[in-house]
């Protein structure tokens, strides 16, 4: 597993926990990052993902709702929802190539989601990607 893949996995765990519990303890969160990621730069990448999703969550969720035909965010499994948030953040605001972002999200969905999660995540993030690319061309 690449170092950035590990950062995405740890970021997903933080986002998942926060989504289910609704509370956040910055001290415990930092301890979690430090215990699981040894590299300062990779740890910062994970922090940036988590903080970026938090900062842009309303915009990201609105985008996801737009593309999720017959699905509300609350009906999505929490793992899928948070993988989609993180992948959408990277597609909309990050600098990683879209193919890499989608592939990383699909791998997380295979590892942590249901049997259908990887296909769902792939389809949703591809819609976000297409929309984002067409917005940039305008």
C-alpha atoms as a PDB file:
ATOM      1  CA  UNK A   1       0.000   0.000   0.000  1.00  0.00           C
ATOM      2  CA  UNK A   2       1.386   3.387  -0.965  1.00  0.00           C
ATOM      3  CA  UNK A   3       1.881   6.026   1.670  1.00  0.00           C
ATOM      4  CA  UNK A   4      -0.847   8.261   0.255  1.00  0.00           C
ATOM      5  CA  UNK A   5      -3.182   5.256   0.157  1.00  0.00           C
ATOM      6  CA  UNK A   6      -2.500   4.757   3.842  1.00  0.00           C
ATOM      7  CA  UNK A   7      -3.231   8.456   4.472  1.00  0.00           C
ATOM      8  CA  UNK A   8      -6.563   8.113   2.665  1.00  0.00           C
ATOM      9  CA  UNK A   9      -7.427   5.050   4.735  1.00  0.00           C
ATOM     10  CA  UNK A  10      -6.681   6.848   8.009  1.00  0.00           C
ATOM     11  CA  UNK A  11      -8.583   9.952   6.853  1.00  0.00           C
ATOM     12  CA  UNK A  12     -11.567   7.741   6.002  1.00  0.00           C
ATOM     13  CA  UNK A  13     -11.491   6.233   9.484  1.00  0.00           C
ATOM     14  CA  UNK A  14     -11.537   9.685  11.080  1.00  0.00           C
ATOM     15  CA  UNK A  15     -14.376  10.880   8.830  1.00  0.00           C
ATOM     16  CA  UNK A  16     -16.363   7.686   9.420  1.00  0.00           C
ATOM     17  CA  UNK A  17     -16.031   7.972  13.191  1.00  0.00           C
ATOM     18  CA  UNK A  18     -17.050  11.628  13.134  1.00  0.00           C
ATOM     19  CA  UNK A  19     -20.009  10.873  10.863  1.00  0.00           C
ATOM     20  CA  UNK A  20     -21.356   8.225  13.229  1.00  0.00           C
ATOM     21  CA  UNK A  21     -20.565   9.939  16.533  1.00  0.00           C
ATOM     22  CA  UNK A  22     -21.013  13.569  15.582  1.00  0.00           C
ATOM     23  CA  UNK A  23     -18.343  14.625  18.029  1.00  0.00           C
ATOM     24  CA  UNK A  24     -14.713  15.437  17.511  1.00  0.00           C
ATOM     25  CA  UNK A  25     -11.790  15.347  19.928  1.00  0.00           C
ATOM     26  CA  UNK A  26      -8.778  17.063  18.306  1.00  0.00           C
ATOM     27  CA  UNK A  27      -6.339  15.528  20.803  1.00  0.00           C
ATOM     28  CA  UNK A  28      -7.524  11.972  20.151  1.00  0.00           C
ATOM     29  CA  UNK A  29      -7.643  12.683  16.439  1.00  0.00           C
ATOM     30  CA  UNK A  30      -4.017  13.822  16.389  1.00  0.00           C
ATOM     31  CA  UNK A  31      -2.984  10.785  18.434  1.00  0.00           C
ATOM     32  CA  UNK A  32      -4.790   8.585  15.908  1.00  0.00           C
ATOM     33  CA  UNK A  33      -2.929  10.214  13.003  1.00  0.00           C
ATOM     34  CA  UNK A  34       0.442   9.919  14.775  1.00  0.00           C
ATOM     35  CA  UNK A  35      -0.066   6.273  15.745  1.00  0.00           C
ATOM     36  CA  UNK A  36      -0.956   5.201  12.219  1.00  0.00           C
ATOM     37  CA  UNK A  37       1.193   7.401   9.988  1.00  0.00           C
ATOM     38  CA  UNK A  38       4.880   7.894  10.706  1.00  0.00           C
ATOM     39  CA  UNK A  39       5.797  10.338   7.938  1.00  0.00           C
ATOM     40  CA  UNK A  40       5.112  13.994   8.722  1.00  0.00           C
ATOM     41  CA  UNK A  41       4.260  14.843   5.106  1.00  0.00           C
ATOM     42  CA  UNK A  42       1.890  11.912   4.690  1.00  0.00           C
ATOM     43  CA  UNK A  43       0.276  12.669   8.052  1.00  0.00           C
ATOM     44  CA  UNK A  44      -0.258  16.240   6.848  1.00  0.00           C
ATOM     45  CA  UNK A  45      -1.847  14.930   3.647  1.00  0.00           C
ATOM     46  CA  UNK A  46      -4.310  12.903   5.753  1.00  0.00           C
ATOM     47  CA  UNK A  47      -5.076  15.941   7.926  1.00  0.00           C
ATOM     48  CA  UNK A  48      -5.620  18.052   4.802  1.00  0.00           C
ATOM     49  CA  UNK A  49      -8.104  15.500   3.461  1.00  0.00           C
ATOM     50  CA  UNK A  50     -10.076  15.425   6.707  1.00  0.00           C
ATOM     51  CA  UNK A  51     -10.065  19.185   7.152  1.00  0.00           C
ATOM     52  CA  UNK A  52     -10.886  19.770   3.492  1.00  0.00           C
ATOM     53  CA  UNK A  53     -13.904  17.474   3.660  1.00  0.00           C
ATOM     54  CA  UNK A  54     -15.053  19.220   6.830  1.00  0.00           C
ATOM     55  CA  UNK A  55     -14.643  22.667   5.309  1.00  0.00           C
ATOM     56  CA  UNK A  56     -16.334  21.839   2.009  1.00  0.00           C
ATOM     57  CA  UNK A  57     -18.833  19.241   3.245  1.00  0.00           C
ATOM     58  CA  UNK A  58     -21.987  21.237   2.447  1.00  0.00           C
ATOM     59  CA  UNK A  59     -20.816  21.858  -1.119  1.00  0.00           C
ATOM     60  CA  UNK A  60     -19.641  18.257  -1.531  1.00  0.00           C
ATOM     61  CA  UNK A  61     -22.872  16.819  -0.141  1.00  0.00           C
ATOM     62  CA  UNK A  62     -24.937  19.032  -2.449  1.00  0.00           C
ATOM     63  CA  UNK A  63     -22.938  17.734  -5.392  1.00  0.00           C
ATOM     64  CA  UNK A  64     -23.389  14.121  -4.294  1.00  0.00           C
ATOM     65  CA  UNK A  65     -27.137  14.536  -3.838  1.00  0.00           C
ATOM     66  CA  UNK A  66     -27.328  15.954  -7.354  1.00  0.00           C
ATOM     67  CA  UNK A  67     -25.725  12.820  -8.829  1.00  0.00           C
ATOM     68  CA  UNK A  68     -27.233  10.171  -6.541  1.00  0.00           C
ATOM     69  CA  UNK A  69     -30.387   9.214  -8.377  1.00  0.00           C
ATOM     70  CA  UNK A  70     -32.975   7.890  -5.928  1.00  0.00           C
ATOM     71  CA  UNK A  71     -30.494   8.011  -3.040  1.00  0.00           C
ATOM     72  CA  UNK A  72     -30.286  10.444  -0.173  1.00  0.00           C
ATOM     73  CA  UNK A  73     -27.049  10.810   1.724  1.00  0.00           C
ATOM     74  CA  UNK A  74     -28.684   9.412   4.842  1.00  0.00           C
ATOM     75  CA  UNK A  75     -29.606   6.200   2.972  1.00  0.00           C
ATOM     76  CA  UNK A  76     -26.031   5.596   1.838  1.00  0.00           C
ATOM     77  CA  UNK A  77     -23.897   3.332   3.992  1.00  0.00           C
ATOM     78  CA  UNK A  78     -21.650   5.577   6.126  1.00  0.00           C
ATOM     79  CA  UNK A  79     -18.513   4.043   4.634  1.00  0.00           C
ATOM     80  CA  UNK A  80     -19.630   4.789   1.082  1.00  0.00           C
ATOM     81  CA  UNK A  81     -20.798   8.275   2.034  1.00  0.00           C
ATOM     82  CA  UNK A  82     -17.439   9.187   3.520  1.00  0.00           C
ATOM     83  CA  UNK A  83     -15.413   7.634   0.702  1.00  0.00           C
ATOM     84  CA  UNK A  84     -17.522   9.700  -1.701  1.00  0.00           C
ATOM     85  CA  UNK A  85     -16.982  12.861   0.331  1.00  0.00           C
ATOM     86  CA  UNK A  86     -13.240  12.354   0.413  1.00  0.00           C
ATOM     87  CA  UNK A  87     -13.013  11.422  -3.270  1.00  0.00           C
ATOM     88  CA  UNK A  88     -15.208  14.356  -4.252  1.00  0.00           C
ATOM     89  CA  UNK A  89     -13.042  16.708  -2.229  1.00  0.00           C
ATOM     90  CA  UNK A  90      -9.952  15.507  -4.054  1.00  0.00           C
ATOM     91  CA  UNK A  91     -11.635  15.721  -7.457  1.00  0.00           C
ATOM     92  CA  UNK A  92     -13.062  19.180  -6.880  1.00  0.00           C
ATOM     93  CA  UNK A  93     -10.295  20.819  -4.868  1.00  0.00           C
ATOM     94  CA  UNK A  94      -7.209  18.608  -4.999  1.00  0.00           C
ATOM     95  CA  UNK A  95      -4.336  18.226  -7.400  1.00  0.00           C
ATOM     96  CA  UNK A  96      -4.144  14.434  -7.802  1.00  0.00           C
ATOM     97  CA  UNK A  97      -5.088  13.053 -11.230  1.00  0.00           C
ATOM     98  CA  UNK A  98      -8.785  12.090 -11.375  1.00  0.00           C
ATOM     99  CA  UNK A  99      -7.977   8.491 -12.356  1.00  0.00           C
ATOM    100  CA  UNK A 100      -5.824   8.107  -9.253  1.00  0.00           C
ATOM    101  CA  UNK A 101      -8.461   9.634  -6.976  1.00  0.00           C
ATOM    102  CA  UNK A 102     -11.217   7.393  -8.319  1.00  0.00           C
ATOM    103  CA  UNK A 103      -9.038   4.287  -8.211  1.00  0.00           C
ATOM    104  CA  UNK A 104      -8.020   4.986  -4.611  1.00  0.00           C
ATOM    105  CA  UNK A 105     -11.666   5.516  -3.621  1.00  0.00           C
ATOM    106  CA  UNK A 106     -12.735   2.296  -5.337  1.00  0.00           C
ATOM    107  CA  UNK A 107     -10.010   0.388  -3.493  1.00  0.00           C
ATOM    108  CA  UNK A 108     -11.205   1.813  -0.175  1.00  0.00           C
ATOM    109  CA  UNK A 109     -14.760   0.812  -1.074  1.00  0.00           C
ATOM    110  CA  UNK A 110     -13.635  -2.739  -1.867  1.00  0.00           C
ATOM    111  CA  UNK A 111     -11.792  -2.956   1.417  1.00  0.00           C
ATOM    112  CA  UNK A 112     -14.293  -1.304   3.765  1.00  0.00           C
ATOM    113  CA  UNK A 113     -17.639  -1.293   1.950  1.00  0.00           C
ATOM    114  CA  UNK A 114     -20.235  -3.788   0.820  1.00  0.00           C
ATOM    115  CA  UNK A 115     -20.114  -5.993  -2.265  1.00  0.00           C
ATOM    116  CA  UNK A 116     -21.737  -3.206  -4.332  1.00  0.00           C
ATOM    117  CA  UNK A 117     -19.794  -0.291  -2.833  1.00  0.00           C
ATOM    118  CA  UNK A 118     -16.947  -0.217  -5.329  1.00  0.00           C
ATOM    119  CA  UNK A 119     -19.303   0.024  -8.321  1.00  0.00           C
ATOM    120  CA  UNK A 120     -21.423   2.672  -6.616  1.00  0.00           C
ATOM    121  CA  UNK A 121     -18.387   4.758  -5.630  1.00  0.00           C
ATOM    122  CA  UNK A 122     -16.886   4.430  -9.101  1.00  0.00           C
ATOM    123  CA  UNK A 123     -20.084   5.576 -10.813  1.00  0.00           C
ATOM    124  CA  UNK A 124     -20.705   8.469  -8.445  1.00  0.00           C
ATOM    125  CA  UNK A 125     -17.156   9.802  -8.559  1.00  0.00           C
ATOM    126  CA  UNK A 126     -17.095   9.521 -12.327  1.00  0.00           C
ATOM    127  CA  UNK A 127     -20.167  11.781 -12.424  1.00  0.00           C
ATOM    128  CA  UNK A 128     -18.433  14.246 -10.110  1.00  0.00           C
ATOM    129  CA  UNK A 129     -15.342  14.120 -12.338  1.00  0.00           C
ATOM    130  CA  UNK A 130     -17.280  14.759 -15.549  1.00  0.00           C
ATOM    131  CA  UNK A 131     -19.184  17.638 -13.978  1.00  0.00           C
ATOM    132  CA  UNK A 132     -16.001  19.129 -12.549  1.00  0.00           C
ATOM    133  CA  UNK A 133     -14.195  18.912 -15.891  1.00  0.00           C
ATOM    134  CA  UNK A 134     -17.065  20.529 -17.765  1.00  0.00           C
ATOM    135  CA  UNK A 135     -17.190  23.353 -15.152  1.00  0.00           C
ATOM    136  CA  UNK A 136     -13.469  24.011 -15.628  1.00  0.00           C
ATOM    137  CA  UNK A 137     -13.898  24.269 -19.410  1.00  0.00           C
ATOM    138  CA  UNK A 138     -16.443  27.060 -19.050  1.00  0.00           C
END
